[in-house]
Structures are given as structure tokens and as C-alpha cells.
Amino acid sequence: MTPDGDLLDRLGHGTAVAAAIREKAPDAELYAVKIFDRRLSAEIETVLRALAWCFDNGMDLINLSLGTANVAHRERFERVVVPGVILVSVADMLPGSLPGVIAVAPEACPRDTFRYRDGVFYCSPLPRPIPGVPAERNLQGASFAVANMTGFAAQALQSVRPEGLRAELIRTAEARSR
């Protein structure tokens, strides 16, 4: 989805995020909703339109590998977020700090696991290295912690109902930490 139909990923960010999700949930149906174009920033209107498109088109799980610290945007996110749709985003930012959103923070941990503490899921910030790309150019950070957690969430949705997803993810995190 883009207003002008241009789905070319000039930055490689969306492609790498999709790959991280696909790694965890190979059978998940993925949709490209382009927010970034030539830089890793976007206007709030673009983000809200993208979220509205996802809600209007029946997405079950939405990866939002970005966030804003602008508290003035809180009310705008609250107006567009649809109850019952699972949104995964960066903790301590908007929309990740909204109730019901799966909040994720980067933390060094094995790529095949995640942790949970105090309402936040912690996940590896590293994607699988992109072949042929120097290590310092491989994308990393909170975006990929969110993408990895979205993959875990998509995987869990294959066996639990959406309303039980958060509890299942917490249970899984606690079982893995023993």
C-alpha cells in the first residue's frame, strides 16, 4: 500500500524487517505497507494512513518498527488504533506505549528467544546478516527487535486466538527463562 503505488524499498528497511518476520513465521501472509521512502523517517499523517489501511483491510497483526516520542501524537494514535487488532511497536514510544500494544525493546539475547519484564518484551535487535553486505551496513536496532517479536507473535497466532496472544507470549517468555 502506498498512495502512489510505488513499493520499491530504496532503503532495504522494509525488506529486512519482512525477512526477520518470515524467519520466525515462514507461513505468515505478509503485506507491504510502505511508510519510508528515501530516509528512515515519516510524517505522522503517513503513519496514521498506513495504520488505517491495515485496520480497514483486516490485518490481524501489524508490525510498526518505528515510534515517536512526540506526546502530541498520542491522541491521534488513540483515535486510529482499532481494539482487537494486534500492534507490535517500540516500547517507551508511541504507539508502543499505548495500552494493548505489544511493546518491544532491543536486548542482546539469542535470536530464537525473547524475554518479558514489567510489561515489555525484549528481543534481539539483530537481523540475520544480509549476504554480501558488510557487517557494519547490516541493519539493526529497535526496528529489528520489533520485527523479531512480530515474527514470534505471528508464529504464536498459528495456535492461539488473538485475544490470548499476549498471555501466550508471556507464558513462553517465562518458560524459556527457567
Protein backbone atom coordinates (compact mmCIF):
# COMPACT_ATOMS: atom_id res chain seq x y z
CA MET A 1 0.00 0.00 0.00
CA THR A 2 1.32 3.41 -0.98
CA PRO A 3 -0.62 6.43 -2.16
CA ASP A 4 1.27 6.46 -5.47
CA GLY A 5 1.68 2.67 -5.89
CA ASP A 6 5.50 2.84 -5.51
CA LEU A 7 6.51 -0.20 -3.44
CA LEU A 8 10.25 -0.04 -4.24
CA ASP A 9 12.21 -0.42 -0.99
CA ARG A 10 15.04 2.03 -1.61
CA LEU A 11 16.42 1.70 1.92
CA GLY A 12 16.10 -2.06 2.36
CA HIS A 13 14.49 -1.49 5.75
CA GLY A 14 11.08 -2.96 4.94
CA THR A 15 12.62 -5.91 3.13
CA ALA A 16 14.89 -6.70 6.09
CA VAL A 17 12.01 -6.32 8.55
CA ALA A 18 9.87 -8.69 6.45
CA ALA A 19 12.76 -11.19 6.34
CA ALA A 20 13.05 -11.12 10.14
CA ILE A 21 9.33 -11.79 10.50
CA ARG A 22 9.41 -14.51 7.82
CA GLU A 23 12.31 -16.22 9.62
CA LYS A 24 10.11 -16.81 12.67
CA ALA A 25 6.80 -17.34 10.87
CA PRO A 26 7.50 -18.76 7.41
CA ASP A 27 3.82 -19.41 6.69
CA ALA A 28 2.56 -15.95 7.69
CA GLU A 29 0.88 -13.91 4.99
CA LEU A 30 2.79 -10.62 4.72
CA TYR A 31 1.58 -7.35 3.23
CA ALA A 32 3.85 -4.45 2.23
CA VAL A 33 2.67 -1.11 3.59
CA LYS A 34 5.28 1.47 2.70
CA ILE A 35 5.96 4.26 5.18
CA PHE A 36 9.59 5.15 4.45
CA ASP A 37 10.90 6.24 1.07
CA ARG A 38 14.39 7.73 0.91
CA ARG A 39 15.04 8.16 4.64
CA LEU A 40 14.12 6.40 7.88
CA SER A 41 11.57 8.99 8.95
CA ALA A 42 7.98 9.69 8.03
CA GLU A 43 5.30 12.26 8.70
CA ILE A 44 2.70 11.28 11.30
CA GLU A 45 -0.04 11.51 8.65
CA THR A 46 1.74 8.84 6.59
CA VAL A 47 2.00 6.50 9.58
CA LEU A 48 -1.65 7.03 10.54
CA ARG A 49 -2.83 6.44 6.94
CA ALA A 50 -0.80 3.22 6.83
CA LEU A 51 -2.30 2.02 10.10
CA ALA A 52 -5.81 2.92 8.93
CA TRP A 53 -5.21 0.93 5.73
CA CYS A 54 -4.14 -2.08 7.79
CA PHE A 55 -7.20 -1.85 10.02
CA ASP A 56 -9.55 -1.32 7.06
CA ASN A 57 -8.07 -4.30 5.22
CA GLY A 58 -8.39 -6.78 8.08
CA MET A 59 -4.79 -7.23 9.17
CA ASP A 60 -4.60 -9.41 12.31
CA LEU A 61 -1.11 -8.39 13.36
CA ILE A 62 0.69 -5.16 12.50
CA ASN A 63 4.44 -4.64 12.75
CA LEU A 64 5.29 -1.00 13.31
CA SER A 65 9.07 -0.97 13.51
CA LEU A 66 9.18 2.68 14.44
CA GLY A 67 7.98 5.05 17.09
CA THR A 68 7.69 8.68 18.05
CA ALA A 69 8.45 10.45 21.30
CA ASN A 70 6.11 13.30 20.37
CA VAL A 71 3.40 13.14 23.05
CA ALA A 72 1.19 15.37 20.92
CA HIS A 73 0.67 12.34 18.66
CA ARG A 74 -0.82 10.18 21.44
CA GLU A 75 -4.43 11.26 20.86
CA ARG A 76 -4.06 10.77 17.10
CA PHE A 77 -2.81 7.21 17.60
CA GLU A 78 -5.59 6.50 20.11
CA ARG A 79 -8.19 7.61 17.55
CA VAL A 80 -6.90 5.32 14.80
CA VAL A 81 -5.89 2.17 16.72
CA VAL A 82 -8.62 -0.46 16.49
CA PRO A 83 -9.31 -2.63 19.55
CA GLY A 84 -8.74 -6.30 18.82
CA VAL A 85 -6.03 -5.72 16.20
CA ILE A 86 -2.59 -6.64 17.49
CA LEU A 87 0.00 -3.91 17.05
CA VAL A 88 3.70 -4.52 17.80
CA SER A 89 5.85 -1.41 18.24
CA VAL A 90 8.79 0.15 20.05
CA ALA A 91 8.45 0.35 23.86
CA ASP A 92 8.59 3.76 25.56
CA MET A 93 7.49 5.50 22.36
CA LEU A 94 4.16 5.94 20.61
CA PRO A 95 2.27 3.86 19.71
CA GLY A 96 4.26 1.22 21.67
CA SER A 97 3.40 2.85 24.99
CA LEU A 98 -0.37 2.65 24.40
CA PRO A 99 -2.39 0.07 26.35
CA GLY A 100 -2.82 -3.19 24.47
CA VAL A 101 0.14 -2.66 22.13
CA ILE A 102 2.88 -5.28 22.32
CA ALA A 103 5.78 -3.07 23.43
CA VAL A 104 9.26 -4.25 22.43
CA ALA A 105 12.74 -3.12 23.40
CA PRO A 106 16.05 -4.33 21.99
CA GLU A 107 18.14 -6.55 24.23
CA ALA A 108 21.02 -8.86 23.46
CA CYS A 109 19.56 -12.35 23.58
CA PRO A 110 19.60 -15.39 21.32
CA ARG A 111 17.65 -14.84 18.08
CA ASP A 112 15.40 -17.80 18.79
CA THR A 113 14.03 -16.44 22.07
CA PHE A 114 12.64 -13.35 23.78
CA ARG A 115 12.17 -12.11 27.31
CA TYR A 116 9.39 -10.31 29.18
CA ARG A 117 9.71 -7.89 32.10
CA ASP A 118 7.45 -5.19 33.50
CA GLY A 119 5.07 -5.10 30.53
CA VAL A 120 7.80 -5.05 27.85
CA PHE A 121 9.02 -7.81 25.56
CA TYR A 122 12.77 -7.85 24.95
CA CYS A 123 14.11 -9.29 21.74
CA SER A 124 17.31 -9.44 19.71
CA PRO A 125 17.93 -6.21 17.79
CA LEU A 126 19.90 -8.02 15.10
CA PRO A 127 18.53 -9.45 11.87
CA ARG A 128 20.10 -12.42 10.21
CA PRO A 129 23.13 -10.98 8.34
CA ILE A 130 22.31 -9.99 4.78
CA PRO A 131 24.63 -11.94 2.43
CA GLY A 132 27.09 -9.78 0.55
CA VAL A 133 26.52 -6.74 2.78
CA PRO A 134 29.37 -5.67 5.09
CA ALA A 135 28.55 -6.26 8.79
CA GLU A 136 28.61 -2.53 9.57
CA ARG A 137 25.95 -1.93 6.87
CA ASN A 138 23.58 -4.67 8.03
CA LEU A 139 20.50 -3.05 9.53
CA GLN A 140 19.94 -3.41 13.27
CA GLY A 141 18.32 -1.80 16.29
CA ALA A 142 14.85 -1.38 17.77
CA SER A 143 13.23 -1.89 14.35
CA PHE A 144 14.58 -5.42 14.24
CA ALA A 145 13.74 -6.21 17.85
CA VAL A 146 10.15 -5.28 16.93
CA ALA A 147 10.32 -7.32 13.71
CA ASN A 148 11.70 -10.36 15.53
CA MET A 149 8.96 -10.09 18.16
CA THR A 150 6.34 -9.70 15.43
CA GLY A 151 7.62 -12.95 13.97
CA PHE A 152 7.25 -14.69 17.34
CA ALA A 153 3.74 -13.24 17.66
CA ALA A 154 2.78 -14.42 14.15
CA GLN A 155 4.13 -17.86 14.98
CA ALA A 156 2.10 -18.00 18.22
CA LEU A 157 -1.07 -16.88 16.39
CA GLN A 158 -0.99 -20.16 14.50
CA SER A 159 -2.00 -21.94 17.71
CA VAL A 160 -3.80 -19.35 19.89
CA ARG A 161 -6.66 -16.93 19.37
CA PRO A 162 -5.73 -13.24 19.08
CA GLU A 163 -7.22 -12.40 22.48
CA GLY A 164 -4.90 -14.99 24.09
CA LEU A 165 -1.75 -13.91 22.28
CA ARG A 166 -0.23 -11.65 24.96
CA ALA A 167 -0.74 -14.28 27.68
CA GLU A 168 0.78 -16.96 25.44
CA LEU A 169 3.82 -14.79 24.66
CA ILE A 170 4.33 -14.04 28.37
CA ARG A 171 3.99 -17.74 29.21
CA THR A 172 6.53 -18.63 26.51
CA ALA A 173 9.00 -15.99 27.71
CA GLU A 174 8.70 -17.19 31.32
CA ALA A 175 9.12 -20.84 30.32
CA ARG A 176 12.26 -20.04 28.35
CA SER A 177 13.81 -18.09 31.23
CA ARG A 178 13.72 -21.05 33.64
